[in-house]
């Protein structure tokens, strides 16, 4: 029988999600599915999420869009975007009967309008309103298939020739700052900001870690660091290198087998994080940081998160829907919103503990 991974958990006997979850469990079992996480007690981490994706044949998200569930849902969407073969043909259904997923879907729509997400999320994350329609949606997706994300391997990069390597930091090194950002944005204003923050970090004595892509803001950040004679590190995975290639001039590169171990090494090696304009992958990275911080993970101890909520020429703030989705996470000090690029470096200097 096929395996479906059910998200979420029931917190107590009074949990309003208890009844709908019980109904959903009955329908899935009766419909011939084996269920992973039926009791809601299986933890998902960066180190095990790829294994759980591989062993599942479908995914169902339940009402109550917690930070952890948002991370898992965006991770699956990113997997489809980056042609993860472990997701081929696997439907993802979101039971949104309580409308708790609306802000998340609104963020994806916002990024789609801005062009950092090329795909319509509805083709990959199918939203339904009641448990009965979950099975109908699973069957429909299996019969119709999943939309082509519109990305294909160019074949310009030979994976056999890509190896991990690392050069020592430059003189006067103060620490590493990670910039999570888009590899697809082509707007010159955004690219100029990426180049500028890379240059500023290098000039100030900070190494810069990125997703090691050569396109979009990601490529511009590395270009800015390298042009200023700075230290640029990054991590990537084989199937994304096939899609995007690698930038020139990386001082350090860590090849990893999947996007989760890629995130883990970037987080481990960084002392601070800047969330630049980006797409679904950047949202995924931001949620991973907040989850680790919320859990008190040593990987995030004393590491500030800055969100560059850039205003474009039409007066639109890039990350406003993200800030709305996260609600109180900003107010409790989990991260800081920066509206101007010139304010980023002072905030980094203030936030990173002196060595």
C-alpha atoms as a PDB file:
ATOM      1  CA  UNK A   1       0.000   0.000   0.000  1.00  0.00           C
ATOM      2  CA  UNK A   2       1.187   3.583  -0.614  1.00  0.00           C
ATOM      3  CA  UNK A   3       2.504   5.675   2.271  1.00  0.00           C
ATOM      4  CA  UNK A   4       1.162   9.120   3.077  1.00  0.00           C
ATOM      5  CA  UNK A   5       2.939  11.433   5.524  1.00  0.00           C
ATOM      6  CA  UNK A   6       0.400  13.282   7.651  1.00  0.00           C
ATOM      7  CA  UNK A   7       1.575  16.573   9.119  1.00  0.00           C
ATOM      8  CA  UNK A   8       0.703  18.225  12.384  1.00  0.00           C
ATOM      9  CA  UNK A   9      -0.005  16.965  15.865  1.00  0.00           C
ATOM     10  CA  UNK A  10      -2.808  16.943  18.437  1.00  0.00           C
ATOM     11  CA  UNK A  11      -1.692  18.918  21.459  1.00  0.00           C
ATOM     12  CA  UNK A  12      -4.374  17.889  23.965  1.00  0.00           C
ATOM     13  CA  UNK A  13      -7.803  16.306  24.363  1.00  0.00           C
ATOM     14  CA  UNK A  14      -9.342  19.749  23.864  1.00  0.00           C
ATOM     15  CA  UNK A  15      -7.425  20.444  20.655  1.00  0.00           C
ATOM     16  CA  UNK A  16     -10.018  21.559  18.043  1.00  0.00           C
ATOM     17  CA  UNK A  17      -8.017  19.704  15.368  1.00  0.00           C
ATOM     18  CA  UNK A  18      -8.531  16.371  17.111  1.00  0.00           C
ATOM     19  CA  UNK A  19     -11.883  15.541  15.522  1.00  0.00           C
ATOM     20  CA  UNK A  20     -10.930  16.482  11.964  1.00  0.00           C
ATOM     21  CA  UNK A  21      -7.653  14.556  12.294  1.00  0.00           C
ATOM     22  CA  UNK A  22      -9.495  11.444  13.503  1.00  0.00           C
ATOM     23  CA  UNK A  23     -11.895  11.725  10.560  1.00  0.00           C
ATOM     24  CA  UNK A  24      -8.974  12.135   8.174  1.00  0.00           C
ATOM     25  CA  UNK A  25      -7.154   9.125   9.627  1.00  0.00           C
ATOM     26  CA  UNK A  26     -10.247   6.960   9.121  1.00  0.00           C
ATOM     27  CA  UNK A  27     -10.680   8.100   5.515  1.00  0.00           C
ATOM     28  CA  UNK A  28      -7.019   7.523   4.649  1.00  0.00           C
ATOM     29  CA  UNK A  29      -6.912   4.053   6.231  1.00  0.00           C
ATOM     30  CA  UNK A  30     -10.197   3.103   4.577  1.00  0.00           C
ATOM     31  CA  UNK A  31      -8.860   4.440   1.292  1.00  0.00           C
ATOM     32  CA  UNK A  32      -5.908   2.055   1.359  1.00  0.00           C
ATOM     33  CA  UNK A  33      -3.140   4.304   2.657  1.00  0.00           C
ATOM     34  CA  UNK A  34      -0.455   3.532   5.220  1.00  0.00           C
ATOM     35  CA  UNK A  35       0.042   6.598   7.395  1.00  0.00           C
ATOM     36  CA  UNK A  36       3.307   7.995   8.705  1.00  0.00           C
ATOM     37  CA  UNK A  37       2.915  10.249  11.769  1.00  0.00           C
ATOM     38  CA  UNK A  38      -0.668   9.253  12.502  1.00  0.00           C
ATOM     39  CA  UNK A  39      -0.124  10.078  16.192  1.00  0.00           C
ATOM     40  CA  UNK A  40       1.514  13.422  15.424  1.00  0.00           C
ATOM     41  CA  UNK A  41       4.613  12.548  17.431  1.00  0.00           C
ATOM     42  CA  UNK A  42       7.322  12.257  14.773  1.00  0.00           C
ATOM     43  CA  UNK A  43       9.786  15.141  14.749  1.00  0.00           C
ATOM     44  CA  UNK A  44      11.119  16.446  11.438  1.00  0.00           C
ATOM     45  CA  UNK A  45      14.596  17.987  11.411  1.00  0.00           C
ATOM     46  CA  UNK A  46      17.065  19.191   8.794  1.00  0.00           C
ATOM     47  CA  UNK A  47      18.914  15.906   9.120  1.00  0.00           C
ATOM     48  CA  UNK A  48      15.930  13.593   8.559  1.00  0.00           C
ATOM     49  CA  UNK A  49      13.475  15.471   6.344  1.00  0.00           C
ATOM     50  CA  UNK A  50      14.944  14.234   3.056  1.00  0.00           C
ATOM     51  CA  UNK A  51      14.672  10.622   4.274  1.00  0.00           C
ATOM     52  CA  UNK A  52      11.011  11.151   5.186  1.00  0.00           C
ATOM     53  CA  UNK A  53      10.313  12.696   1.787  1.00  0.00           C
ATOM     54  CA  UNK A  54      11.968   9.752   0.055  1.00  0.00           C
ATOM     55  CA  UNK A  55       9.987   7.089   1.925  1.00  0.00           C
ATOM     56  CA  UNK A  56       6.592   8.814   1.464  1.00  0.00           C
ATOM     57  CA  UNK A  57       4.327   8.565  -1.594  1.00  0.00           C
ATOM     58  CA  UNK A  58       2.157  11.571  -0.772  1.00  0.00           C
ATOM     59  CA  UNK A  59       1.861  14.366   1.808  1.00  0.00           C
ATOM     60  CA  UNK A  60      -1.185  15.724   3.615  1.00  0.00           C
ATOM     61  CA  UNK A  61      -1.037  18.897   5.716  1.00  0.00           C
ATOM     62  CA  UNK A  62      -3.697  19.458   8.349  1.00  0.00           C
ATOM     63  CA  UNK A  63      -5.358  22.586   9.813  1.00  0.00           C
ATOM     64  CA  UNK A  64      -3.173  24.637  12.123  1.00  0.00           C
ATOM     65  CA  UNK A  65      -0.327  26.095  10.093  1.00  0.00           C
ATOM     66  CA  UNK A  66       2.466  26.122  12.680  1.00  0.00           C
ATOM     67  CA  UNK A  67       6.003  27.265  11.921  1.00  0.00           C
ATOM     68  CA  UNK A  68       7.114  23.640  11.586  1.00  0.00           C
ATOM     69  CA  UNK A  69       4.298  22.766   9.166  1.00  0.00           C
ATOM     70  CA  UNK A  70       4.996  25.866   7.071  1.00  0.00           C
ATOM     71  CA  UNK A  71       8.634  24.816   6.823  1.00  0.00           C
ATOM     72  CA  UNK A  72       7.733  21.305   5.678  1.00  0.00           C
ATOM     73  CA  UNK A  73       5.222  22.577   3.104  1.00  0.00           C
ATOM     74  CA  UNK A  74       7.605  25.138   1.589  1.00  0.00           C
ATOM     75  CA  UNK A  75      10.353  22.489   1.576  1.00  0.00           C
ATOM     76  CA  UNK A  76       8.227  20.211  -0.596  1.00  0.00           C
ATOM     77  CA  UNK A  77       7.410  23.109  -2.924  1.00  0.00           C
ATOM     78  CA  UNK A  78      11.114  23.972  -3.216  1.00  0.00           C
ATOM     79  CA  UNK A  79      11.827  20.320  -3.957  1.00  0.00           C
ATOM     80  CA  UNK A  80       9.441  20.432  -6.901  1.00  0.00           C
ATOM     81  CA  UNK A  81      11.035  23.677  -8.113  1.00  0.00           C
ATOM     82  CA  UNK A  82      14.549  22.230  -8.005  1.00  0.00           C
ATOM     83  CA  UNK A  83      13.602  18.959  -9.725  1.00  0.00           C
ATOM     84  CA  UNK A  84      14.160  16.700  -6.713  1.00  0.00           C
ATOM     85  CA  UNK A  85      13.594  13.247  -8.185  1.00  0.00           C
ATOM     86  CA  UNK A  86      12.457  11.956  -4.784  1.00  0.00           C
ATOM     87  CA  UNK A  87       9.266  14.011  -5.244  1.00  0.00           C
ATOM     88  CA  UNK A  88       8.396  12.844  -8.735  1.00  0.00           C
ATOM     89  CA  UNK A  89       4.660  12.175  -8.999  1.00  0.00           C
ATOM     90  CA  UNK A  90       3.980  12.632  -5.279  1.00  0.00           C
ATOM     91  CA  UNK A  91       0.865  14.705  -4.480  1.00  0.00           C
ATOM     92  CA  UNK A  92       0.770  17.258  -1.658  1.00  0.00           C
ATOM     93  CA  UNK A  93      -2.632  18.173  -0.212  1.00  0.00           C
ATOM     94  CA  UNK A  94      -3.284  20.966   2.320  1.00  0.00           C
ATOM     95  CA  UNK A  95      -6.457  20.676   4.409  1.00  0.00           C
ATOM     96  CA  UNK A  96      -7.158  24.359   5.051  1.00  0.00           C
ATOM     97  CA  UNK A  97     -10.543  24.102   6.738  1.00  0.00           C
ATOM     98  CA  UNK A  98      -9.543  26.647   9.417  1.00  0.00           C
ATOM     99  CA  UNK A  99      -8.001  29.101   6.880  1.00  0.00           C
ATOM    100  CA  UNK A 100      -4.770  29.090   8.884  1.00  0.00           C
ATOM    101  CA  UNK A 101      -2.811  28.532   5.653  1.00  0.00           C
ATOM    102  CA  UNK A 102      -4.213  31.639   3.939  1.00  0.00           C
ATOM    103  CA  UNK A 103      -1.321  33.971   4.873  1.00  0.00           C
ATOM    104  CA  UNK A 104       1.182  31.377   3.638  1.00  0.00           C
ATOM    105  CA  UNK A 105      -0.613  31.076   0.308  1.00  0.00           C
ATOM    106  CA  UNK A 106      -0.820  34.868   0.156  1.00  0.00           C
ATOM    107  CA  UNK A 107       2.966  35.103   0.535  1.00  0.00           C
ATOM    108  CA  UNK A 108       3.485  32.636  -2.327  1.00  0.00           C
ATOM    109  CA  UNK A 109       1.073  34.628  -4.505  1.00  0.00           C
ATOM    110  CA  UNK A 110       2.970  37.834  -3.651  1.00  0.00           C
ATOM    111  CA  UNK A 111       6.315  36.305  -4.650  1.00  0.00           C
ATOM    112  CA  UNK A 112       4.735  34.923  -7.823  1.00  0.00           C
ATOM    113  CA  UNK A 113       3.573  38.439  -8.757  1.00  0.00           C
ATOM    114  CA  UNK A 114       7.070  39.795  -8.080  1.00  0.00           C
ATOM    115  CA  UNK A 115       8.547  37.060 -10.283  1.00  0.00           C
ATOM    116  CA  UNK A 116      10.791  35.289  -7.767  1.00  0.00           C
ATOM    117  CA  UNK A 117       8.468  32.282  -7.899  1.00  0.00           C
ATOM    118  CA  UNK A 118       7.798  31.320 -11.500  1.00  0.00           C
ATOM    119  CA  UNK A 119       5.348  28.517 -10.724  1.00  0.00           C
ATOM    120  CA  UNK A 120       1.777  28.745  -9.404  1.00  0.00           C
ATOM    121  CA  UNK A 121       1.824  27.048  -6.004  1.00  0.00           C
ATOM    122  CA  UNK A 122      -1.673  25.632  -6.668  1.00  0.00           C
ATOM    123  CA  UNK A 123      -0.153  23.200  -9.146  1.00  0.00           C
ATOM    124  CA  UNK A 124       1.973  21.647  -6.378  1.00  0.00           C
ATOM    125  CA  UNK A 125       0.240  22.355  -3.038  1.00  0.00           C
ATOM    126  CA  UNK A 126      -3.434  21.512  -3.535  1.00  0.00           C
ATOM    127  CA  UNK A 127      -5.676  23.244  -1.001  1.00  0.00           C
ATOM    128  CA  UNK A 128      -8.974  21.606   0.066  1.00  0.00           C
ATOM    129  CA  UNK A 129     -11.605  22.553   2.643  1.00  0.00           C
ATOM    130  CA  UNK A 130     -12.783  19.266   4.203  1.00  0.00           C
ATOM    131  CA  UNK A 131     -11.354  15.803   4.975  1.00  0.00           C
ATOM    132  CA  UNK A 132     -13.502  14.001   2.394  1.00  0.00           C
ATOM    133  CA  UNK A 133     -11.992  16.015  -0.454  1.00  0.00           C
ATOM    134  CA  UNK A 134      -8.449  15.062   0.623  1.00  0.00           C
ATOM    135  CA  UNK A 135      -8.853  11.579  -0.875  1.00  0.00           C
ATOM    136  CA  UNK A 136     -10.497  13.014  -3.982  1.00  0.00           C
ATOM    137  CA  UNK A 137      -7.562  15.405  -4.429  1.00  0.00           C
ATOM    138  CA  UNK A 138      -4.988  12.640  -3.923  1.00  0.00           C
ATOM    139  CA  UNK A 139      -6.688  10.541  -6.604  1.00  0.00           C
ATOM    140  CA  UNK A 140      -6.998  13.500  -8.994  1.00  0.00           C
ATOM    141  CA  UNK A 141      -3.319  14.429  -8.725  1.00  0.00           C
ATOM    142  CA  UNK A 142      -2.260  10.822  -9.242  1.00  0.00           C
ATOM    143  CA  UNK A 143      -4.390  10.609 -12.377  1.00  0.00           C
ATOM    144  CA  UNK A 144      -3.522  14.039 -13.834  1.00  0.00           C
ATOM    145  CA  UNK A 145       0.102  14.207 -12.730  1.00  0.00           C
ATOM    146  CA  UNK A 146       2.036  17.196 -11.361  1.00  0.00           C
ATOM    147  CA  UNK A 147       2.786  20.302 -13.396  1.00  0.00           C
ATOM    148  CA  UNK A 148       6.157  20.705 -15.090  1.00  0.00           C
ATOM    149  CA  UNK A 149       8.044  23.399 -13.108  1.00  0.00           C
ATOM    150  CA  UNK A 150       9.456  24.765 -16.356  1.00  0.00           C
ATOM    151  CA  UNK A 151      13.103  24.233 -15.401  1.00  0.00           C
ATOM    152  CA  UNK A 152      15.486  21.917 -17.203  1.00  0.00           C
ATOM    153  CA  UNK A 153      19.142  20.970 -16.861  1.00  0.00           C
ATOM    154  CA  UNK A 154      21.410  22.869 -19.247  1.00  0.00           C
ATOM    155  CA  UNK A 155      24.217  20.341 -19.012  1.00  0.00           C
ATOM    156  CA  UNK A 156      26.952  23.017 -18.934  1.00  0.00           C
ATOM    157  CA  UNK A 157      28.388  21.886 -15.592  1.00  0.00           C
ATOM    158  CA  UNK A 158      30.143  18.563 -15.002  1.00  0.00           C
ATOM    159  CA  UNK A 159      29.315  17.335 -11.492  1.00  0.00           C
ATOM    160  CA  UNK A 160      32.327  15.022 -11.575  1.00  0.00           C
ATOM    161  CA  UNK A 161      34.569  18.096 -11.623  1.00  0.00           C
ATOM    162  CA  UNK A 162      32.941  19.802  -8.613  1.00  0.00           C
ATOM    163  CA  UNK A 163      34.598  19.174  -5.252  1.00  0.00           C
ATOM    164  CA  UNK A 164      34.476  20.668  -1.776  1.00  0.00           C
ATOM    165  CA  UNK A 165      37.380  22.966  -0.972  1.00  0.00           C
ATOM    166  CA  UNK A 166      38.248  25.697   1.519  1.00  0.00           C
ATOM    167  CA  UNK A 167      40.785  28.500   1.695  1.00  0.00           C
ATOM    168  CA  UNK A 168      41.694  30.193   5.001  1.00  0.00           C
ATOM    169  CA  UNK A 169      40.011  33.503   5.899  1.00  0.00           C
ATOM    170  CA  UNK A 170      41.565  36.787   4.792  1.00  0.00           C
ATOM    171  CA  UNK A 171      43.583  38.946   7.168  1.00  0.00           C
ATOM    172  CA  UNK A 172      41.468  40.868   9.682  1.00  0.00           C
ATOM    173  CA  UNK A 173      38.653  38.319   9.481  1.00  0.00           C
ATOM    174  CA  UNK A 174      35.750  39.184  11.849  1.00  0.00           C
ATOM    175  CA  UNK A 175      33.355  36.314  11.132  1.00  0.00           C
ATOM    176  CA  UNK A 176      31.017  34.997   8.445  1.00  0.00           C
ATOM    177  CA  UNK A 177      27.688  36.473   7.375  1.00  0.00           C
ATOM    178  CA  UNK A 178      25.242  34.376   5.373  1.00  0.00           C
ATOM    179  CA  UNK A 179      23.104  36.043   2.692  1.00  0.00           C
ATOM    180  CA  UNK A 180      20.021  34.045   1.749  1.00  0.00           C
ATOM    181  CA  UNK A 181      18.588  35.416  -1.499  1.00  0.00           C
ATOM    182  CA  UNK A 182      17.184  34.812  -4.970  1.00  0.00           C
ATOM    183  CA  UNK A 183      19.063  33.087  -7.771  1.00  0.00           C
ATOM    184  CA  UNK A 184      16.450  34.170 -10.320  1.00  0.00           C
ATOM    185  CA  UNK A 185      15.874  37.923  -9.890  1.00  0.00           C
ATOM    186  CA  UNK A 186      17.182  39.879 -12.896  1.00  0.00           C
ATOM    187  CA  UNK A 187      16.059  43.401 -11.924  1.00  0.00           C
ATOM    188  CA  UNK A 188      19.218  45.605 -12.055  1.00  0.00           C
ATOM    189  CA  UNK A 189      18.253  47.425  -8.839  1.00  0.00           C
ATOM    190  CA  UNK A 190      18.128  44.172  -6.873  1.00  0.00           C
ATOM    191  CA  UNK A 191      21.322  42.883  -8.459  1.00  0.00           C
ATOM    192  CA  UNK A 192      23.075  46.137  -7.551  1.00  0.00           C
ATOM    193  CA  UNK A 193      21.983  45.704  -3.926  1.00  0.00           C
ATOM    194  CA  UNK A 194      23.389  42.167  -3.912  1.00  0.00           C
ATOM    195  CA  UNK A 195      26.737  43.352  -5.277  1.00  0.00           C
ATOM    196  CA  UNK A 196      26.795  46.215  -2.765  1.00  0.00           C
ATOM    197  CA  UNK A 197      26.162  44.077   0.309  1.00  0.00           C
ATOM    198  CA  UNK A 198      28.855  41.636  -0.834  1.00  0.00           C
ATOM    199  CA  UNK A 199      31.317  44.499  -1.248  1.00  0.00           C
ATOM    200  CA  UNK A 200      30.368  46.060   2.106  1.00  0.00           C
ATOM    201  CA  UNK A 201      30.830  42.794   3.979  1.00  0.00           C
ATOM    202  CA  UNK A 202      34.236  42.192   2.405  1.00  0.00           C
ATOM    203  CA  UNK A 203      35.405  45.751   3.062  1.00  0.00           C
ATOM    204  CA  UNK A 204      34.326  45.471   6.707  1.00  0.00           C
ATOM    205  CA  UNK A 205      36.270  42.222   7.215  1.00  0.00           C
ATOM    206  CA  UNK A 206      33.409  39.730   7.121  1.00  0.00           C
ATOM    207  CA  UNK A 207      33.409  36.572   5.062  1.00  0.00           C
ATOM    208  CA  UNK A 208      30.215  35.996   3.105  1.00  0.00           C
ATOM    209  CA  UNK A 209      28.391  32.681   2.775  1.00  0.00           C
ATOM    210  CA  UNK A 210      25.712  32.089   0.149  1.00  0.00           C
ATOM    211  CA  UNK A 211      23.901  29.348  -1.738  1.00  0.00           C
ATOM    212  CA  UNK A 212      26.713  29.276  -4.304  1.00  0.00           C
ATOM    213  CA  UNK A 213      24.609  30.110  -7.333  1.00  0.00           C
ATOM    214  CA  UNK A 214      25.989  32.224 -10.160  1.00  0.00           C
ATOM    215  CA  UNK A 215      22.694  33.785 -11.240  1.00  0.00           C
ATOM    216  CA  UNK A 216      20.411  36.451  -9.783  1.00  0.00           C
ATOM    217  CA  UNK A 217      21.190  38.218  -6.520  1.00  0.00           C
ATOM    218  CA  UNK A 218      23.104  35.158  -5.358  1.00  0.00           C
ATOM    219  CA  UNK A 219      25.658  35.569  -8.123  1.00  0.00           C
ATOM    220  CA  UNK A 220      25.864  39.337  -7.586  1.00  0.00           C
ATOM    221  CA  UNK A 221      26.637  38.912  -3.878  1.00  0.00           C
ATOM    222  CA  UNK A 222      29.590  36.635  -4.680  1.00  0.00           C
ATOM    223  CA  UNK A 223      30.759  39.032  -7.405  1.00  0.00           C
ATOM    224  CA  UNK A 224      30.748  41.910  -4.902  1.00  0.00           C
ATOM    225  CA  UNK A 225      32.756  39.946  -2.351  1.00  0.00           C
ATOM    226  CA  UNK A 226      35.314  38.730  -4.884  1.00  0.00           C
ATOM    227  CA  UNK A 227      35.752  42.181  -6.459  1.00  0.00           C
ATOM    228  CA  UNK A 228      36.547  43.604  -3.013  1.00  0.00           C
ATOM    229  CA  UNK A 229      39.116  40.873  -2.309  1.00  0.00           C
ATOM    230  CA  UNK A 230      36.965  39.193   0.330  1.00  0.00           C
ATOM    231  CA  UNK A 231      36.300  35.608   1.386  1.00  0.00           C
ATOM    232  CA  UNK A 232      33.240  33.991  -0.240  1.00  0.00           C
ATOM    233  CA  UNK A 233      31.949  30.596   0.862  1.00  0.00           C
ATOM    234  CA  UNK A 234      28.930  28.618  -0.252  1.00  0.00           C
ATOM    235  CA  UNK A 235      27.198  25.271  -0.488  1.00  0.00           C
ATOM    236  CA  UNK A 236      25.151  23.614  -3.191  1.00  0.00           C
ATOM    237  CA  UNK A 237      23.829  20.229  -4.297  1.00  0.00           C
ATOM    238  CA  UNK A 238      24.438  18.365  -7.561  1.00  0.00           C
ATOM    239  CA  UNK A 239      21.001  18.717  -9.156  1.00  0.00           C
ATOM    240  CA  UNK A 240      20.847  22.468  -8.449  1.00  0.00           C
ATOM    241  CA  UNK A 241      24.385  22.962  -9.773  1.00  0.00           C
ATOM    242  CA  UNK A 242      23.111  21.306 -12.954  1.00  0.00           C
ATOM    243  CA  UNK A 243      20.369  23.946 -13.095  1.00  0.00           C
ATOM    244  CA  UNK A 244      22.277  27.070 -12.026  1.00  0.00           C
ATOM    245  CA  UNK A 245      26.025  26.434 -12.210  1.00  0.00           C
ATOM    246  CA  UNK A 246      28.609  27.763  -9.742  1.00  0.00           C
ATOM    247  CA  UNK A 247      29.998  31.300  -9.428  1.00  0.00           C
ATOM    248  CA  UNK A 248      33.648  32.116 -10.010  1.00  0.00           C
ATOM    249  CA  UNK A 249      35.968  32.997  -7.147  1.00  0.00           C
ATOM    250  CA  UNK A 250      34.556  31.006  -4.222  1.00  0.00           C
ATOM    251  CA  UNK A 251      37.087  30.758  -1.401  1.00  0.00           C
ATOM    252  CA  UNK A 252      35.231  27.781   0.058  1.00  0.00           C
ATOM    253  CA  UNK A 253      32.661  25.400  -1.353  1.00  0.00           C
ATOM    254  CA  UNK A 254      30.868  22.587   0.456  1.00  0.00           C
ATOM    255  CA  UNK A 255      29.194  20.041  -1.812  1.00  0.00           C
ATOM    256  CA  UNK A 256      26.189  18.447  -0.116  1.00  0.00           C
ATOM    257  CA  UNK A 257      23.742  15.696  -1.175  1.00  0.00           C
ATOM    258  CA  UNK A 258      20.471  17.573  -0.508  1.00  0.00           C
ATOM    259  CA  UNK A 259      19.119  21.045   0.230  1.00  0.00           C
ATOM    260  CA  UNK A 260      18.749  20.328   3.958  1.00  0.00           C
ATOM    261  CA  UNK A 261      22.342  19.346   4.658  1.00  0.00           C
ATOM    262  CA  UNK A 262      23.245  22.297   2.415  1.00  0.00           C
ATOM    263  CA  UNK A 263      21.304  24.637   4.721  1.00  0.00           C
ATOM    264  CA  UNK A 264      22.814  22.996   7.782  1.00  0.00           C
ATOM    265  CA  UNK A 265      26.437  23.667   6.773  1.00  0.00           C
ATOM    266  CA  UNK A 266      25.599  27.248   5.804  1.00  0.00           C
ATOM    267  CA  UNK A 267      23.916  27.842   9.162  1.00  0.00           C
ATOM    268  CA  UNK A 268      26.682  26.116  11.096  1.00  0.00           C
ATOM    269  CA  UNK A 269      29.432  28.184   9.457  1.00  0.00           C
ATOM    270  CA  UNK A 270      27.684  31.576   9.761  1.00  0.00           C
ATOM    271  CA  UNK A 271      27.631  34.103  12.591  1.00  0.00           C
ATOM    272  CA  UNK A 272      24.710  36.171  11.268  1.00  0.00           C
ATOM    273  CA  UNK A 273      22.084  35.991   8.528  1.00  0.00           C
ATOM    274  CA  UNK A 274      20.652  38.473   6.055  1.00  0.00           C
ATOM    275  CA  UNK A 275      17.379  37.574   4.346  1.00  0.00           C
ATOM    276  CA  UNK A 276      17.577  39.399   1.016  1.00  0.00           C
ATOM    277  CA  UNK A 277      14.770  39.442  -1.582  1.00  0.00           C
ATOM    278  CA  UNK A 278      14.212  35.896  -2.740  1.00  0.00           C
ATOM    279  CA  UNK A 279      11.704  33.204  -3.554  1.00  0.00           C
ATOM    280  CA  UNK A 280      10.414  29.998  -1.990  1.00  0.00           C
ATOM    281  CA  UNK A 281      13.932  28.800  -1.156  1.00  0.00           C
ATOM    282  CA  UNK A 282      14.628  31.971   0.814  1.00  0.00           C
ATOM    283  CA  UNK A 283      11.353  31.567   2.722  1.00  0.00           C
ATOM    284  CA  UNK A 284      12.371  27.982   3.484  1.00  0.00           C
ATOM    285  CA  UNK A 285      15.740  29.158   4.821  1.00  0.00           C
ATOM    286  CA  UNK A 286      14.147  31.860   6.970  1.00  0.00           C
ATOM    287  CA  UNK A 287      11.723  29.360   8.516  1.00  0.00           C
ATOM    288  CA  UNK A 288      14.576  26.932   9.194  1.00  0.00           C
ATOM    289  CA  UNK A 289      16.475  29.659  11.070  1.00  0.00           C
ATOM    290  CA  UNK A 290      13.443  30.538  13.183  1.00  0.00           C
ATOM    291  CA  UNK A 291      12.697  26.890  13.992  1.00  0.00           C
ATOM    292  CA  UNK A 292      16.259  26.304  15.141  1.00  0.00           C
ATOM    293  CA  UNK A 293      16.201  29.503  17.188  1.00  0.00           C
ATOM    294  CA  UNK A 294      12.842  28.597  18.718  1.00  0.00           C
ATOM    295  CA  UNK A 295      14.202  25.166  19.696  1.00  0.00           C
ATOM    296  CA  UNK A 296      17.291  26.704  21.320  1.00  0.00           C
ATOM    297  CA  UNK A 297      19.552  24.852  18.911  1.00  0.00           C
ATOM    298  CA  UNK A 298      23.266  25.645  19.436  1.00  0.00           C
ATOM    299  CA  UNK A 299      23.560  26.277  15.676  1.00  0.00           C
ATOM    300  CA  UNK A 300      21.642  29.543  16.188  1.00  0.00           C
ATOM    301  CA  UNK A 301      23.023  30.680  19.555  1.00  0.00           C
ATOM    302  CA  UNK A 302      23.758  34.441  19.545  1.00  0.00           C
ATOM    303  CA  UNK A 303      23.262  34.653  15.764  1.00  0.00           C
ATOM    304  CA  UNK A 304      21.171  37.620  14.580  1.00  0.00           C
ATOM    305  CA  UNK A 305      18.715  37.402  11.662  1.00  0.00           C
ATOM    306  CA  UNK A 306      18.131  40.524   9.592  1.00  0.00           C
ATOM    307  CA  UNK A 307      15.336  40.747   7.016  1.00  0.00           C
ATOM    308  CA  UNK A 308      16.042  43.282   4.268  1.00  0.00           C
ATOM    309  CA  UNK A 309      12.488  44.437   3.529  1.00  0.00           C
ATOM    310  CA  UNK A 310      13.414  46.383   0.437  1.00  0.00           C
ATOM    311  CA  UNK A 311      10.959  48.877  -1.065  1.00  0.00           C
ATOM    312  CA  UNK A 312      10.794  48.813  -4.866  1.00  0.00           C
ATOM    313  CA  UNK A 313      10.159  51.777  -7.154  1.00  0.00           C
ATOM    314  CA  UNK A 314       6.395  51.267  -6.943  1.00  0.00           C
ATOM    315  CA  UNK A 315       6.452  51.503  -3.144  1.00  0.00           C
ATOM    316  CA  UNK A 316       5.948  47.779  -2.487  1.00  0.00           C
ATOM    317  CA  UNK A 317       7.834  46.268   0.458  1.00  0.00           C
ATOM    318  CA  UNK A 318       9.297  42.934  -0.608  1.00  0.00           C
ATOM    319  CA  UNK A 319       8.847  40.964   2.612  1.00  0.00           C
ATOM    320  CA  UNK A 320       5.687  42.544   4.074  1.00  0.00           C
ATOM    321  CA  UNK A 321       3.599  39.354   3.570  1.00  0.00           C
ATOM    322  CA  UNK A 322       6.359  37.305   5.218  1.00  0.00           C
ATOM    323  CA  UNK A 323       6.376  39.597   8.243  1.00  0.00           C
ATOM    324  CA  UNK A 324       2.581  39.328   8.419  1.00  0.00           C
ATOM    325  CA  UNK A 325       2.778  35.538   8.246  1.00  0.00           C
ATOM    326  CA  UNK A 326       5.340  35.361  11.032  1.00  0.00           C
ATOM    327  CA  UNK A 327       3.315  37.694  13.222  1.00  0.00           C
ATOM    328  CA  UNK A 328       4.927  38.115  16.635  1.00  0.00           C
ATOM    329  CA  UNK A 329       8.234  36.497  15.649  1.00  0.00           C
ATOM    330  CA  UNK A 330       9.668  39.910  14.796  1.00  0.00           C
ATOM    331  CA  UNK A 331       8.345  41.619  17.912  1.00  0.00           C
ATOM    332  CA  UNK A 332       9.862  39.024  20.238  1.00  0.00           C
ATOM    333  CA  UNK A 333      13.349  39.695  18.877  1.00  0.00           C
ATOM    334  CA  UNK A 334      13.695  36.551  16.772  1.00  0.00           C
ATOM    335  CA  UNK A 335      14.649  38.734  13.828  1.00  0.00           C
ATOM    336  CA  UNK A 336      15.045  42.378  12.882  1.00  0.00           C
ATOM    337  CA  UNK A 337      13.549  44.113   9.850  1.00  0.00           C
ATOM    338  CA  UNK A 338      15.844  46.509   7.957  1.00  0.00           C
ATOM    339  CA  UNK A 339      14.381  48.819   5.328  1.00  0.00           C
ATOM    340  CA  UNK A 340      17.561  50.389   3.885  1.00  0.00           C
ATOM    341  CA  UNK A 341      20.690  48.674   2.660  1.00  0.00           C
ATOM    342  CA  UNK A 342      22.930  51.198   4.408  1.00  0.00           C
ATOM    343  CA  UNK A 343      21.513  50.092   7.767  1.00  0.00           C
ATOM    344  CA  UNK A 344      22.403  46.412   7.328  1.00  0.00           C
ATOM    345  CA  UNK A 345      26.114  46.507   8.131  1.00  0.00           C
ATOM    346  CA  UNK A 346      25.723  48.575  11.340  1.00  0.00           C
ATOM    347  CA  UNK A 347      23.110  46.072  12.529  1.00  0.00           C
ATOM    348  CA  UNK A 348      25.481  43.185  11.732  1.00  0.00           C
ATOM    349  CA  UNK A 349      28.298  44.811  13.693  1.00  0.00           C
ATOM    350  CA  UNK A 350      25.989  45.378  16.627  1.00  0.00           C
ATOM    351  CA  UNK A 351      24.478  41.898  16.537  1.00  0.00           C
ATOM    352  CA  UNK A 352      27.563  39.680  16.175  1.00  0.00           C
ATOM    353  CA  UNK A 353      29.329  39.127  19.509  1.00  0.00           C
ATOM    354  CA  UNK A 354      32.887  40.442  19.563  1.00  0.00           C
ATOM    355  CA  UNK A 355      35.534  37.730  19.242  1.00  0.00           C
END
